[in-house]
C-alpha cells in the first residue's frame, strides 16, 4: 500500500493495523497499549521464550547469597522471572533477601517494576536504557568489583566487554533463551504484509527481526518484503534493532529515545499522523 493509499484509507476512519510480534506472554498488555493509541493489533509472535539453566547458574546464586557479588544486573523483566522460577521457595527467599543488600541494576522501567514487585525497592536505572547505557553509568565505579549478569542467551557482548574494560570481573548466566516459532499464524502475517494489509510494524528486538525475515524468506519473499515494509511505518526499539533491520535492507521510520513498547507505539502513531498531514 502506498503512503497515498494509506492516507486515503486512514482519512476514511480506517483503524490502522499494527503488527505486534512479541512473545505470547506480552499479548494482553501489548494489545491494550496498541488500542489505546488507536491501532488495531495483529498479534503474531516472531520470537518465543524458553527457560534455560546453564552450568554457572548455581555459582551465580551462591555469589549473590554469600554477598560476593557487588552488582547484579538484569537486562529484562524476563531475566528476573526465569531466575526465580529455578529456585525453591526457601532458596528464593534467601536470594531476594541477598539482592536487597546488593546494588541491583535494571536496564529500564519494565525491569525496574519487576524488581519492585519482589521487594527490591530502589534498583538503579541508567540514563540510557541499553547495555551501552549500563556500561557508561557503572564504569566510573566498578574497577575491582564483581558483577553478575542474569539474562538471555542472546545478550549483547558489549555489556560484558564494556564492564571488563572498566576493570570489573564479570560473570554471566543464561536464564532463558529465544527461539523462532513456526506455524500458520507466522505464515499468514507474511502473506498479509505482502498484500499490503498491515500499516505498521513494531520490532522490539534483533531476534524478532530475524524471525520475521526468516519466515519471509521461506515464502520466497526475501526482496519483496523489503519493498512492502518501505511502504509501511516501521518502528524499532533501540539502535541495535534498527541496525538489524538495516542489514536486511529495511529502514526504521521510528526509534524512540525511551526503550519501551509504549514509547515505540506512541512514536509510531505520531509518525503516521505527520504522514497524513504531509500528504
Protein backbone atom coordinates (compact mmCIF):
# COMPACT_ATOMS: atom_id res chain seq x y z
CA UNK A 1 0.00 0.00 0.00
CA UNK A 2 1.46 3.41 -0.92
CA UNK A 3 1.55 6.28 1.56
CA UNK A 4 -1.14 7.92 -0.52
CA UNK A 5 -3.31 4.84 -0.36
CA UNK A 6 -2.74 4.52 3.36
CA UNK A 7 -3.62 8.18 3.82
CA UNK A 8 -6.90 7.81 1.91
CA UNK A 9 -7.93 4.80 3.95
CA UNK A 10 -6.97 6.35 7.28
CA UNK A 11 -8.82 9.51 6.32
CA UNK A 12 -11.86 7.32 5.81
CA UNK A 13 -11.54 6.39 9.51
CA UNK A 14 -9.88 3.05 8.88
CA UNK A 15 -8.18 1.89 12.04
CA UNK A 16 -4.55 1.19 11.12
CA UNK A 17 -3.32 -2.35 11.64
CA UNK A 18 -0.21 -2.73 13.79
CA UNK A 19 1.81 -5.94 13.66
CA UNK A 20 2.98 -6.87 17.16
CA UNK A 21 5.44 -9.76 17.18
CA UNK A 22 6.39 -10.03 20.85
CA UNK A 23 6.30 -13.33 22.81
CA UNK A 24 2.85 -14.65 23.69
CA UNK A 25 3.20 -13.68 27.36
CA UNK A 26 3.08 -9.99 26.38
CA UNK A 27 -0.12 -10.26 24.35
CA UNK A 28 -2.74 -8.78 26.69
CA UNK A 29 -0.70 -5.76 27.74
CA UNK A 30 0.65 -5.09 24.23
CA UNK A 31 -2.77 -5.25 22.59
CA UNK A 32 -4.18 -2.87 25.20
CA UNK A 33 -1.40 -0.34 24.55
CA UNK A 34 -1.91 -0.59 20.79
CA UNK A 35 -5.64 0.06 21.10
CA UNK A 36 -5.04 2.97 23.50
CA UNK A 37 -3.09 4.67 20.71
CA UNK A 38 -5.66 3.99 18.02
CA UNK A 39 -4.25 0.85 16.40
CA UNK A 40 -5.89 -2.49 15.72
CA UNK A 41 -3.30 -5.06 16.82
CA UNK A 42 -2.34 -8.01 14.67
CA UNK A 43 -0.58 -10.18 17.25
CA UNK A 44 1.73 -12.84 15.84
CA UNK A 45 4.80 -13.86 17.92
CA UNK A 46 8.03 -13.99 15.94
CA UNK A 47 10.04 -14.99 19.00
CA UNK A 48 9.28 -17.22 21.96
CA UNK A 49 10.90 -17.54 25.37
CA UNK A 50 12.21 -20.79 26.82
CA UNK A 51 13.68 -21.33 30.28
CA UNK A 52 17.37 -22.22 30.43
CA UNK A 53 19.63 -23.29 33.30
CA UNK A 54 23.32 -23.35 32.44
CA UNK A 55 26.20 -24.78 34.45
CA UNK A 56 27.06 -21.41 36.03
CA UNK A 57 23.60 -20.73 37.45
CA UNK A 58 24.24 -22.29 40.87
CA UNK A 59 27.56 -20.43 41.35
CA UNK A 60 25.73 -17.22 40.42
CA UNK A 61 23.09 -17.82 43.08
CA UNK A 62 25.77 -18.64 45.67
CA UNK A 63 27.74 -15.47 44.94
CA UNK A 64 24.61 -13.39 45.46
CA UNK A 65 23.55 -15.20 48.64
CA UNK A 66 27.08 -15.05 50.13
CA UNK A 67 27.40 -11.37 49.27
CA UNK A 68 30.41 -11.71 47.00
CA UNK A 69 28.55 -10.06 44.11
CA UNK A 70 28.91 -6.30 44.28
CA UNK A 71 26.43 -5.74 41.47
CA UNK A 72 23.64 -7.85 39.94
CA UNK A 73 22.42 -6.72 36.52
CA UNK A 74 19.09 -7.71 35.00
CA UNK A 75 18.60 -6.70 31.37
CA UNK A 76 14.91 -7.65 31.19
CA UNK A 77 11.93 -8.47 33.35
CA UNK A 78 12.13 -11.97 31.88
CA UNK A 79 15.60 -12.39 33.34
CA UNK A 80 14.17 -11.88 36.82
CA UNK A 81 11.21 -14.20 36.28
CA UNK A 82 13.27 -17.02 34.81
CA UNK A 83 15.88 -16.67 37.55
CA UNK A 84 13.33 -17.00 40.35
CA UNK A 85 11.50 -19.85 38.62
CA UNK A 86 14.60 -22.01 39.03
CA UNK A 87 14.69 -21.61 42.81
CA UNK A 88 12.76 -23.43 45.53
CA UNK A 89 10.74 -21.25 47.89
CA UNK A 90 13.46 -21.20 50.63
CA UNK A 91 16.15 -20.53 48.01
CA UNK A 92 14.06 -17.75 46.51
CA UNK A 93 13.61 -16.07 49.90
CA UNK A 94 17.36 -16.17 50.59
CA UNK A 95 18.16 -14.90 47.11
CA UNK A 96 15.75 -11.96 47.29
CA UNK A 97 16.98 -11.07 50.81
CA UNK A 98 20.55 -11.04 49.47
CA UNK A 99 19.56 -8.91 46.47
CA UNK A 100 18.22 -6.29 48.87
CA UNK A 101 21.76 -5.91 50.24
CA UNK A 102 23.33 -5.76 46.77
CA UNK A 103 23.47 -2.98 44.20
CA UNK A 104 20.89 -4.16 41.67
CA UNK A 105 20.80 -2.69 38.16
CA UNK A 106 17.70 -2.66 35.94
CA UNK A 107 18.14 -1.86 32.26
CA UNK A 108 14.83 0.02 32.07
CA UNK A 109 11.46 0.81 33.70
CA UNK A 110 9.81 -2.56 32.95
CA UNK A 111 12.69 -4.41 34.58
CA UNK A 112 12.54 -1.97 37.48
CA UNK A 113 8.84 -2.69 38.00
CA UNK A 114 9.50 -6.43 38.15
CA UNK A 115 12.21 -5.89 40.76
CA UNK A 116 9.94 -3.68 42.84
CA UNK A 117 7.33 -6.46 42.78
CA UNK A 118 9.73 -8.80 44.57
CA UNK A 119 10.77 -6.19 47.12
CA UNK A 120 13.82 -4.55 45.53
CA UNK A 121 12.57 -1.04 46.08
CA UNK A 122 15.27 1.14 44.55
CA UNK A 123 17.15 -0.59 41.74
CA UNK A 124 19.48 1.62 39.72
CA UNK A 125 18.48 2.58 36.18
CA UNK A 126 20.97 4.02 33.67
CA UNK A 127 20.09 7.26 31.94
CA UNK A 128 20.18 5.39 28.63
CA UNK A 129 18.12 2.17 28.79
CA UNK A 130 20.61 -0.04 26.99
CA UNK A 131 23.69 -2.20 27.51
CA UNK A 132 25.81 0.77 26.47
CA UNK A 133 23.94 2.91 28.98
CA UNK A 134 24.72 0.47 31.80
CA UNK A 135 28.42 0.43 30.91
CA UNK A 136 28.57 4.23 30.78
CA UNK A 137 26.78 4.61 34.12
CA UNK A 138 28.77 1.98 36.03
CA UNK A 139 32.23 2.41 34.52
CA UNK A 140 33.50 5.05 36.98
CA UNK A 141 32.78 2.83 40.00
CA UNK A 142 33.28 -0.84 39.10
CA UNK A 143 37.05 -1.26 38.98
CA UNK A 144 37.95 -4.29 41.11
CA UNK A 145 34.27 -5.15 41.65
CA UNK A 146 32.36 -8.35 40.90
CA UNK A 147 29.34 -8.07 38.61
CA UNK A 148 26.79 -10.80 37.87
CA UNK A 149 24.53 -10.73 34.81
CA UNK A 150 21.39 -12.87 34.53
CA UNK A 151 19.95 -12.63 31.04
CA UNK A 152 19.08 -14.40 27.80
CA UNK A 153 21.49 -16.46 25.75
CA UNK A 154 21.37 -13.72 23.12
CA UNK A 155 22.57 -10.85 25.30
CA UNK A 156 24.77 -8.20 23.70
CA UNK A 157 28.52 -8.79 24.15
CA UNK A 158 29.10 -5.07 24.57
CA UNK A 159 27.82 -5.26 28.15
CA UNK A 160 30.39 -7.80 29.32
CA UNK A 161 33.25 -6.38 27.25
CA UNK A 162 32.50 -2.82 28.34
CA UNK A 163 32.34 -3.62 32.06
CA UNK A 164 35.53 -5.70 31.86
CA UNK A 165 37.33 -2.81 30.17
CA UNK A 166 36.26 -0.69 33.13
CA UNK A 167 38.10 -3.09 35.44
CA UNK A 168 35.26 -5.29 36.71
CA UNK A 169 35.15 -9.07 36.99
CA UNK A 170 32.00 -10.10 35.13
CA UNK A 171 30.07 -13.36 35.41
CA UNK A 172 27.19 -14.19 33.07
CA UNK A 173 24.47 -16.81 33.47
CA UNK A 174 21.87 -17.56 30.81
CA UNK A 175 18.48 -17.99 32.47
CA UNK A 176 16.41 -18.17 29.28
CA UNK A 177 16.79 -18.37 25.54
CA UNK A 178 14.87 -17.22 22.49
CA UNK A 179 13.63 -19.23 19.52
CA UNK A 180 11.61 -18.54 16.39
CA UNK A 181 8.11 -20.05 16.42
CA UNK A 182 6.84 -21.86 13.35
CA UNK A 183 3.18 -22.04 12.39
CA UNK A 184 0.27 -20.90 10.28
CA UNK A 185 0.00 -17.56 12.09
CA UNK A 186 3.53 -16.55 11.14
CA UNK A 187 2.98 -17.54 7.51
CA UNK A 188 -0.28 -15.59 7.43
CA UNK A 189 1.36 -12.43 8.77
CA UNK A 190 3.93 -12.51 5.98
CA UNK A 191 1.18 -13.06 3.42
CA UNK A 192 -0.87 -10.14 4.81
CA UNK A 193 2.26 -8.00 4.81
CA UNK A 194 2.94 -8.78 1.16
CA UNK A 195 -0.68 -7.98 0.36
CA UNK A 196 -0.24 -4.51 1.90
CA UNK A 197 -2.85 -5.11 4.59
CA UNK A 198 -0.68 -4.16 7.58
CA UNK A 199 0.02 -0.47 8.12
CA UNK A 200 2.71 -0.56 10.80
CA UNK A 201 5.25 -2.97 12.30
CA UNK A 202 6.68 -2.83 15.83
CA UNK A 203 10.06 -4.59 16.08
CA UNK A 204 11.27 -4.82 19.67
CA UNK A 205 14.46 -6.89 19.25
CA UNK A 206 17.00 -8.02 16.69
CA UNK A 207 15.88 -11.63 17.17
CA UNK A 208 12.35 -10.58 16.22
CA UNK A 209 13.63 -9.03 13.00
CA UNK A 210 15.49 -12.23 12.15
CA UNK A 211 12.38 -14.31 12.87
CA UNK A 212 10.22 -12.14 10.63
CA UNK A 213 12.74 -12.21 7.79
CA UNK A 214 13.25 -15.96 8.14
CA UNK A 215 9.54 -16.53 7.53
CA UNK A 216 9.57 -14.12 4.59
CA UNK A 217 12.49 -16.00 3.03
CA UNK A 218 10.66 -19.32 3.48
CA UNK A 219 7.91 -17.90 1.29
CA UNK A 220 10.43 -16.73 -1.30
CA UNK A 221 9.78 -13.09 -0.46
CA UNK A 222 13.24 -12.00 0.70
CA UNK A 223 13.34 -8.97 -1.61
CA UNK A 224 9.62 -8.30 -1.95
CA UNK A 225 9.17 -7.96 1.81
CA UNK A 226 11.66 -5.06 1.89
CA UNK A 227 9.62 -3.15 -0.68
CA UNK A 228 6.41 -3.81 1.22
CA UNK A 229 7.87 -2.66 4.53
CA UNK A 230 9.16 0.53 2.88
CA UNK A 231 5.54 1.49 2.25
CA UNK A 232 4.52 0.95 5.90
CA UNK A 233 5.60 2.58 9.17
CA UNK A 234 8.40 0.53 10.70
CA UNK A 235 9.32 1.04 14.35
CA UNK A 236 12.27 -0.35 16.28
CA UNK A 237 13.17 -0.34 19.96
CA UNK A 238 16.79 0.67 20.25
CA UNK A 239 19.57 1.29 17.77
CA UNK A 240 20.67 -2.39 17.68
CA UNK A 241 17.21 -3.42 16.43
CA UNK A 242 17.28 -0.58 13.91
CA UNK A 243 20.72 -1.71 12.73
CA UNK A 244 19.49 -5.28 12.27
CA UNK A 245 16.61 -4.04 10.12
CA UNK A 246 19.10 -2.04 8.07
CA UNK A 247 21.19 -5.18 7.47
CA UNK A 248 18.09 -6.66 5.85
CA UNK A 249 17.62 -3.56 3.70
CA UNK A 250 14.83 -2.01 5.79
CA UNK A 251 14.97 1.48 7.30
CA UNK A 252 13.28 2.08 10.64
CA UNK A 253 11.00 5.12 10.47
CA UNK A 254 10.81 5.31 14.26
CA UNK A 255 13.35 4.62 17.02
CA UNK A 256 12.09 6.25 20.25
CA UNK A 257 14.51 7.68 22.81
CA UNK A 258 12.86 5.61 25.54
CA UNK A 259 13.30 1.85 25.10
CA UNK A 260 9.77 0.73 25.96
CA UNK A 261 6.96 -0.75 23.89
CA UNK A 262 4.55 2.04 24.79
CA UNK A 263 7.08 4.70 23.77
CA UNK A 264 7.51 2.90 20.45
CA UNK A 265 3.78 2.71 19.74
CA UNK A 266 3.29 6.35 20.75
CA UNK A 267 6.09 7.47 18.42
CA UNK A 268 4.71 5.36 15.56
CA UNK A 269 1.29 6.93 15.99
CA UNK A 270 2.85 10.39 15.82
CA UNK A 271 4.73 9.47 12.65
CA UNK A 272 1.56 8.23 10.99
CA UNK A 273 -0.24 11.46 11.89
CA UNK A 274 2.62 13.50 10.43
CA UNK A 275 2.43 11.47 7.22
CA UNK A 276 -1.27 12.22 6.99
CA UNK A 277 -0.63 15.96 7.36
CA UNK A 278 2.18 15.99 4.80
CA UNK A 279 0.02 14.13 2.28
